[in-house]
Amino acid sequence: MNTRLKPLIQICVLVALLFFTTAFLYCQDKPLPQWLRMEQGIQNYDAGQLGSALSIFRTIAEDDPQYANVHMWIGHVFAAEGEYTAAMAKYKDALSEERNFFPQSERINAYYSLAEVARRLEDWESMHTYLQAVVDEAEIDPLPEERIEAMRRKFLNEGPDKLLELYRMNDKPVRAAYEQLGLLALQQGNYRSALQNLLLSVTTSLSLAIEVLQDRDPEYVFVHYEMNPGLELFFTRNTALLLKDSRDVLHIKEYFNTVGLYRQLYLLALAMLASDAEEEAKKIWTLVATHPEAGKWANLSRNQLGSPNLDVLPTVLHYR
């Protein structure tokens, strides 16, 4: 190598090394994108590192105070620490007009979180208010009271088959609000409201199952057995077949387990029993008892078929 070129090459190498080192350090000092910092905060929260998560969320909130999601996550941290008053204040802060959720549907999660904190505080009136707010936030306009009453009467008079033939519900994010409103009403002895809300929850789950089966098979139909009110008014055979068909579709089966469909059906029948619809309640318990996937709810349903009573309600409300 030319001896005169050697120092020049060394200088070029040093300059290049200095350039790349400076660029690397600059990249290290540059703040991470907001979405990535949020992801870090959520990962820390999931790992139980609440202090670290709170620090990250607060920094994001300072940089972007209008970002409602991060205020909601600060509320989650407070709730996990048992600071329920602070958590509720932060959830309400996230829902204030000057904040913006992304996506907007996340507002529902803030109301669910408020309802959960109210449940832990045994503030049943506030819990009911926040769950009703979830229903009001639905993507689909809330059902008119007249429609809900028509569904309730159709169910009590002709059973789930006729109800699902005439009415379908598919607003999945709101289903849990109906369920929790139903459970709260059962706990308070408001059986009419319990029946109504549990019915809306169950109808949503079964409607979603029908939708999935239709997507899998365009020729799928829900009504296989004709309903003849002259012979049998309260009809469940098509619903029983729907539950049977759903066993073969893994994600429907898992969904039913996740939402506790058979538990809801059992409790729905208890609300029916309390509403002077004992024979109809027995048909719902029979529906549950004949499906092995129902587990303990099948056994509890068989017990009710032998001797229907409401005395079990305080106990079974704690079962999952």
Protein backbone atom coordinates (compact mmCIF):
# COMPACT_ATOMS: atom_id res chain seq x y z
CA MET A 1 0.00 0.00 0.00
CA ASN A 2 1.15 3.51 -0.79
CA THR A 3 2.56 4.96 2.45
CA ARG A 4 1.09 8.36 1.62
CA LEU A 5 -2.46 6.90 1.35
CA LYS A 6 -2.30 5.07 4.65
CA PRO A 7 -2.80 8.13 6.93
CA LEU A 8 -5.63 9.31 4.68
CA ILE A 9 -7.42 5.97 4.97
CA GLN A 10 -7.03 6.03 8.74
CA ILE A 11 -8.53 9.52 8.89
CA CYS A 12 -11.47 8.41 6.73
CA VAL A 13 -12.10 5.41 8.99
CA LEU A 14 -12.04 7.62 12.10
CA VAL A 15 -14.44 10.12 10.52
CA ALA A 16 -16.83 7.34 9.50
CA LEU A 17 -16.66 5.80 12.95
CA LEU A 18 -17.38 9.17 14.57
CA PHE A 19 -20.31 9.76 12.20
CA PHE A 20 -21.97 6.39 12.89
CA THR A 21 -21.38 6.69 16.64
CA THR A 22 -22.99 10.12 16.69
CA ALA A 23 -25.91 8.87 14.61
CA PHE A 24 -26.37 5.91 16.94
CA LEU A 25 -26.33 8.10 20.03
CA TYR A 26 -28.81 10.48 18.41
CA CYS A 27 -31.15 7.58 17.69
CA GLN A 28 -30.83 6.42 21.28
CA ASP A 29 -31.74 9.86 22.63
CA LYS A 30 -34.68 10.32 20.27
CA PRO A 31 -37.99 9.62 22.09
CA LEU A 32 -39.87 6.48 21.11
CA PRO A 33 -43.17 6.84 19.23
CA GLN A 34 -46.23 7.22 21.46
CA TRP A 35 -47.78 3.90 20.43
CA LEU A 36 -44.56 2.08 21.36
CA ARG A 37 -44.36 3.79 24.74
CA MET A 38 -48.01 2.87 25.37
CA GLU A 39 -47.16 -0.74 24.52
CA GLN A 40 -44.26 -0.66 26.99
CA GLY A 41 -46.53 0.75 29.69
CA ILE A 42 -49.19 -1.90 29.08
CA GLN A 43 -46.57 -4.67 29.14
CA ASN A 44 -45.26 -3.36 32.48
CA TYR A 45 -48.82 -3.22 33.81
CA ASP A 46 -49.48 -6.81 32.71
CA ALA A 47 -46.22 -7.89 34.39
CA GLY A 48 -47.30 -6.27 37.66
CA GLN A 49 -44.70 -3.48 37.40
CA LEU A 50 -47.26 -0.84 38.32
CA GLY A 51 -44.82 1.92 39.30
CA SER A 52 -42.96 1.70 36.01
CA ALA A 53 -46.22 1.55 34.07
CA LEU A 54 -47.58 4.60 35.87
CA SER A 55 -44.41 6.56 35.15
CA ILE A 56 -44.67 5.79 31.43
CA PHE A 57 -48.38 6.61 31.25
CA ARG A 58 -47.92 9.90 33.10
CA THR A 59 -45.15 10.96 30.73
CA ILE A 60 -47.39 10.24 27.75
CA ALA A 61 -50.27 12.14 29.40
CA GLU A 62 -48.01 15.18 29.85
CA ASP A 63 -46.97 15.05 26.18
CA ASP A 64 -50.51 14.48 24.89
CA PRO A 65 -53.11 15.44 27.53
CA GLN A 66 -56.02 14.93 25.12
CA TYR A 67 -55.22 11.24 24.59
CA ALA A 68 -58.00 9.61 26.63
CA ASN A 69 -56.62 6.06 26.42
CA VAL A 70 -53.58 6.89 28.55
CA HIS A 71 -55.74 8.52 31.25
CA MET A 72 -57.84 5.34 31.31
CA TRP A 73 -54.69 3.26 31.78
CA ILE A 74 -53.60 5.46 34.68
CA GLY A 75 -56.99 4.61 36.15
CA HIS A 76 -56.25 0.89 35.62
CA VAL A 77 -53.02 1.27 37.61
CA PHE A 78 -54.83 3.01 40.48
CA ALA A 79 -57.52 0.29 40.47
CA ALA A 80 -54.86 -2.45 40.57
CA GLU A 81 -53.30 -0.71 43.58
CA GLY A 82 -56.67 -0.59 45.35
CA GLU A 83 -56.90 3.20 45.02
CA TYR A 84 -60.51 3.05 43.86
CA THR A 85 -61.43 6.70 44.42
CA ALA A 86 -58.42 7.83 42.37
CA ALA A 87 -59.21 5.22 39.71
CA MET A 88 -62.80 6.41 39.33
CA ALA A 89 -61.65 10.02 39.08
CA LYS A 90 -59.20 9.09 36.33
CA TYR A 91 -61.77 7.06 34.36
CA LYS A 92 -64.16 10.02 34.52
CA ASP A 93 -61.31 12.29 33.45
CA ALA A 94 -60.70 10.05 30.42
CA LEU A 95 -64.40 10.32 29.49
CA SER A 96 -64.47 14.13 29.74
CA GLU A 97 -65.22 16.15 26.62
CA GLU A 98 -61.69 17.47 26.15
CA ARG A 99 -60.27 13.94 25.82
CA ASN A 100 -60.30 11.82 22.66
CA PHE A 101 -60.29 8.01 22.60
CA PHE A 102 -58.63 6.10 19.78
CA PRO A 103 -60.51 4.19 18.60
CA GLN A 104 -63.67 5.87 19.88
CA SER A 105 -65.12 2.49 20.85
CA GLU A 106 -62.63 2.42 23.76
CA ARG A 107 -65.03 4.70 25.64
CA ILE A 108 -67.04 1.55 26.40
CA ASN A 109 -64.05 0.05 28.24
CA ALA A 110 -63.82 3.13 30.46
CA TYR A 111 -67.48 2.71 31.45
CA TYR A 112 -66.94 -1.01 32.08
CA SER A 113 -63.97 -0.09 34.29
CA LEU A 114 -66.09 2.39 36.25
CA ALA A 115 -68.74 -0.31 36.71
CA GLU A 116 -66.12 -2.78 37.99
CA VAL A 117 -64.76 -0.30 40.54
CA ALA A 118 -68.33 0.48 41.67
CA ARG A 119 -68.88 -3.28 42.10
CA ARG A 120 -65.80 -3.56 44.29
CA LEU A 121 -67.05 -0.65 46.36
CA GLU A 122 -70.52 -2.28 46.48
CA ASP A 123 -71.98 0.91 45.05
CA TRP A 124 -74.78 -0.88 43.18
CA GLU A 125 -76.59 2.24 42.01
CA SER A 126 -73.45 3.64 40.36
CA MET A 127 -72.65 0.23 38.90
CA HIS A 128 -76.08 0.15 37.26
CA THR A 129 -75.57 3.70 35.92
CA TYR A 130 -72.20 2.88 34.32
CA LEU A 131 -73.44 -0.36 32.77
CA GLN A 132 -76.43 1.47 31.33
CA ALA A 133 -73.94 3.98 29.89
CA VAL A 134 -72.28 1.07 28.04
CA VAL A 135 -75.63 0.20 26.49
CA ASP A 136 -76.17 3.84 25.53
CA GLU A 137 -72.71 3.93 23.89
CA ALA A 138 -73.60 1.00 21.63
CA GLU A 139 -72.63 1.27 17.96
CA ILE A 140 -76.18 0.24 17.19
CA ASP A 141 -78.88 2.52 18.58
CA PRO A 142 -80.15 1.23 21.95
CA LEU A 143 -83.25 -0.94 21.67
CA PRO A 144 -86.51 0.90 22.33
CA GLU A 145 -88.32 -0.22 25.48
CA GLU A 146 -91.26 -1.38 23.35
CA ARG A 147 -88.97 -3.70 21.36
CA ILE A 148 -87.42 -5.13 24.53
CA GLU A 149 -90.85 -5.76 26.02
CA ALA A 150 -92.01 -7.44 22.78
CA MET A 151 -88.94 -9.71 22.91
CA ARG A 152 -89.59 -10.58 26.55
CA ARG A 153 -93.23 -11.50 25.85
CA LYS A 154 -92.34 -13.47 22.72
CA PHE A 155 -89.75 -15.44 24.68
CA LEU A 156 -92.05 -16.22 27.60
CA ASN A 157 -94.94 -17.14 25.33
CA GLU A 158 -93.21 -19.07 22.55
CA GLY A 159 -89.63 -19.76 23.67
CA PRO A 160 -86.13 -19.08 22.37
CA ASP A 161 -86.82 -20.63 18.95
CA LYS A 162 -89.45 -18.07 18.01
CA LEU A 163 -87.44 -15.25 19.56
CA LEU A 164 -84.34 -16.09 17.49
CA GLU A 165 -86.44 -16.51 14.37
CA LEU A 166 -87.78 -12.96 14.72
CA TYR A 167 -85.00 -11.07 16.50
CA ARG A 168 -81.20 -11.08 16.20
CA MET A 169 -78.65 -9.00 18.14
CA ASN A 170 -74.97 -8.71 17.25
CA ASP A 171 -73.57 -5.77 19.24
CA LYS A 172 -70.93 -7.90 20.94
CA PRO A 173 -69.22 -5.16 23.05
CA VAL A 174 -72.51 -4.42 24.84
CA ARG A 175 -73.43 -8.04 25.66
CA ALA A 176 -71.48 -8.13 28.92
CA ALA A 177 -73.30 -5.01 30.13
CA TYR A 178 -76.64 -6.78 29.68
CA GLU A 179 -75.29 -9.79 31.58
CA GLN A 180 -73.98 -7.72 34.48
CA LEU A 181 -77.19 -5.71 34.65
CA GLY A 182 -79.08 -9.01 34.81
CA LEU A 183 -76.89 -10.38 37.60
CA LEU A 184 -77.19 -7.14 39.55
CA ALA A 185 -80.98 -7.25 39.21
CA LEU A 186 -81.04 -10.88 40.40
CA GLN A 187 -78.96 -9.92 43.42
CA GLN A 188 -81.42 -7.14 44.24
CA GLY A 189 -84.51 -9.29 43.68
CA ASN A 190 -85.64 -7.33 40.62
CA TYR A 191 -86.58 -10.42 38.62
CA ARG A 192 -88.32 -8.69 35.75
CA SER A 193 -85.20 -6.61 35.00
CA ALA A 194 -83.01 -9.71 35.49
CA LEU A 195 -85.06 -11.68 32.98
CA GLN A 196 -84.98 -8.84 30.47
CA ASN A 197 -81.23 -8.20 30.61
CA LEU A 198 -80.13 -11.84 30.77
CA LEU A 199 -82.41 -12.51 27.80
CA LEU A 200 -80.71 -9.73 25.80
CA SER A 201 -77.27 -11.12 26.70
CA VAL A 202 -78.18 -14.72 25.76
CA THR A 203 -79.88 -13.57 22.55
CA THR A 204 -76.70 -11.71 21.55
CA SER A 205 -74.49 -14.77 22.12
CA LEU A 206 -76.82 -17.11 20.22
CA SER A 207 -77.25 -14.59 17.39
CA LEU A 208 -73.47 -14.37 16.99
CA ALA A 209 -73.28 -18.18 16.85
CA ILE A 210 -75.94 -18.26 14.11
CA GLU A 211 -73.98 -15.60 12.20
CA VAL A 212 -70.77 -17.67 12.36
CA LEU A 213 -72.55 -20.83 11.21
CA GLN A 214 -74.10 -18.94 8.30
CA ASP A 215 -70.66 -17.61 7.31
CA ARG A 216 -69.31 -21.15 7.30
CA ASP A 217 -72.26 -22.54 5.36
CA PRO A 218 -74.37 -20.12 3.29
CA GLU A 219 -77.17 -22.70 3.29
CA TYR A 220 -77.32 -22.93 7.09
CA VAL A 221 -80.74 -22.17 8.53
CA PHE A 222 -81.68 -21.84 12.18
CA VAL A 223 -85.22 -23.23 11.89
CA HIS A 224 -85.04 -26.97 11.18
CA TYR A 225 -88.10 -27.97 13.17
CA GLU A 226 -91.37 -26.22 12.41
CA MET A 227 -93.00 -24.60 15.41
CA ASN A 228 -96.63 -25.52 15.93
CA PRO A 229 -98.21 -23.46 18.73
CA GLY A 230 -101.22 -25.77 18.65
CA LEU A 231 -99.07 -28.66 19.88
CA GLU A 232 -96.28 -27.01 21.82
CA LEU A 233 -96.16 -23.31 22.53
CA PHE A 234 -92.76 -22.90 24.23
CA PHE A 235 -90.35 -24.31 21.65
CA THR A 236 -86.61 -25.07 22.19
CA ARG A 237 -85.73 -27.79 19.64
CA ASN A 238 -84.05 -25.45 17.16
CA THR A 239 -82.06 -23.78 19.92
CA ALA A 240 -80.96 -27.21 21.14
CA LEU A 241 -79.79 -28.04 17.63
CA LEU A 242 -77.91 -24.71 17.43
CA LEU A 243 -76.05 -25.57 20.65
CA LYS A 244 -75.29 -29.03 19.27
CA ASP A 245 -73.98 -27.62 15.96
CA SER A 246 -71.85 -25.12 17.86
CA ARG A 247 -69.87 -27.94 19.52
CA ASP A 248 -68.14 -28.63 16.20
CA VAL A 249 -66.93 -25.03 15.75
CA LEU A 250 -64.04 -24.48 18.13
CA HIS A 251 -64.20 -20.70 18.41
CA ILE A 252 -67.98 -20.73 19.05
CA LYS A 253 -67.46 -23.39 21.71
CA GLU A 254 -64.69 -21.31 23.30
CA TYR A 255 -66.83 -18.18 23.08
CA PHE A 256 -69.71 -19.89 24.87
CA ASN A 257 -67.30 -20.97 27.62
CA THR A 258 -65.81 -17.48 27.91
CA VAL A 259 -69.16 -15.72 28.27
CA GLY A 260 -70.61 -18.46 30.49
CA LEU A 261 -73.59 -19.10 28.23
CA TYR A 262 -74.92 -22.09 30.19
CA ARG A 263 -74.58 -20.20 33.45
CA GLN A 264 -76.62 -17.37 31.95
CA LEU A 265 -79.28 -19.77 30.70
CA TYR A 266 -79.53 -21.34 34.15
CA LEU A 267 -79.88 -17.94 35.83
CA LEU A 268 -82.33 -16.79 33.16
CA ALA A 269 -84.52 -19.77 34.09
CA LEU A 270 -84.33 -18.74 37.77
CA ALA A 271 -85.59 -15.28 36.80
CA MET A 272 -88.39 -16.99 34.85
CA LEU A 273 -89.29 -19.12 37.87
CA ALA A 274 -89.53 -15.96 39.97
CA SER A 275 -91.77 -14.46 37.27
CA ASP A 276 -94.38 -17.23 37.56
CA ALA A 277 -93.16 -19.06 34.46
CA GLU A 278 -92.17 -22.37 36.10
CA GLU A 279 -93.00 -24.70 33.20
CA GLU A 280 -91.12 -22.50 30.74
CA ALA A 281 -88.17 -22.28 33.15
CA LYS A 282 -88.05 -26.08 33.29
CA LYS A 283 -87.69 -26.22 29.51
CA ILE A 284 -84.66 -23.92 29.69
CA TRP A 285 -83.16 -26.09 32.44
CA THR A 286 -83.83 -29.16 30.29
CA LEU A 287 -81.98 -27.44 27.45
CA VAL A 288 -78.96 -26.88 29.71
CA ALA A 289 -79.13 -30.33 31.35
CA THR A 290 -78.86 -32.17 28.02
CA HIS A 291 -75.57 -30.53 26.99
CA PRO A 292 -72.41 -32.00 28.52
CA GLU A 293 -70.52 -28.76 27.79
CA ALA A 294 -72.66 -27.10 30.47
CA GLY A 295 -70.69 -28.89 33.22
CA LYS A 296 -71.93 -28.05 36.71
CA TRP A 297 -74.75 -25.98 35.24
CA ALA A 298 -76.15 -29.17 33.70
CA ASN A 299 -76.15 -30.79 37.16
CA LEU A 300 -77.70 -27.72 38.78
CA SER A 301 -80.36 -27.67 36.07
CA ARG A 302 -81.24 -31.33 36.71
CA ASN A 303 -81.66 -30.47 40.39
CA GLN A 304 -84.08 -27.70 39.50
CA LEU A 305 -86.08 -30.05 37.29
CA GLY A 306 -86.66 -32.23 40.31
CA SER A 307 -87.53 -29.46 42.75
CA PRO A 308 -87.57 -25.88 41.37
CA ASN A 309 -86.75 -23.24 43.97
CA LEU A 310 -85.14 -19.83 44.33
CA ASP A 311 -83.34 -20.63 47.58
CA VAL A 312 -80.17 -21.53 45.66
CA LEU A 313 -79.88 -18.04 44.15
CA PRO A 314 -77.50 -16.43 46.69
CA THR A 315 -75.16 -19.42 46.33
CA VAL A 316 -75.17 -19.89 42.55
CA LEU A 317 -74.64 -16.17 41.91
CA HIS A 318 -71.08 -16.72 43.17
CA TYR A 319 -70.44 -19.69 40.86
CA ARG A 320 -68.55 -19.24 37.62
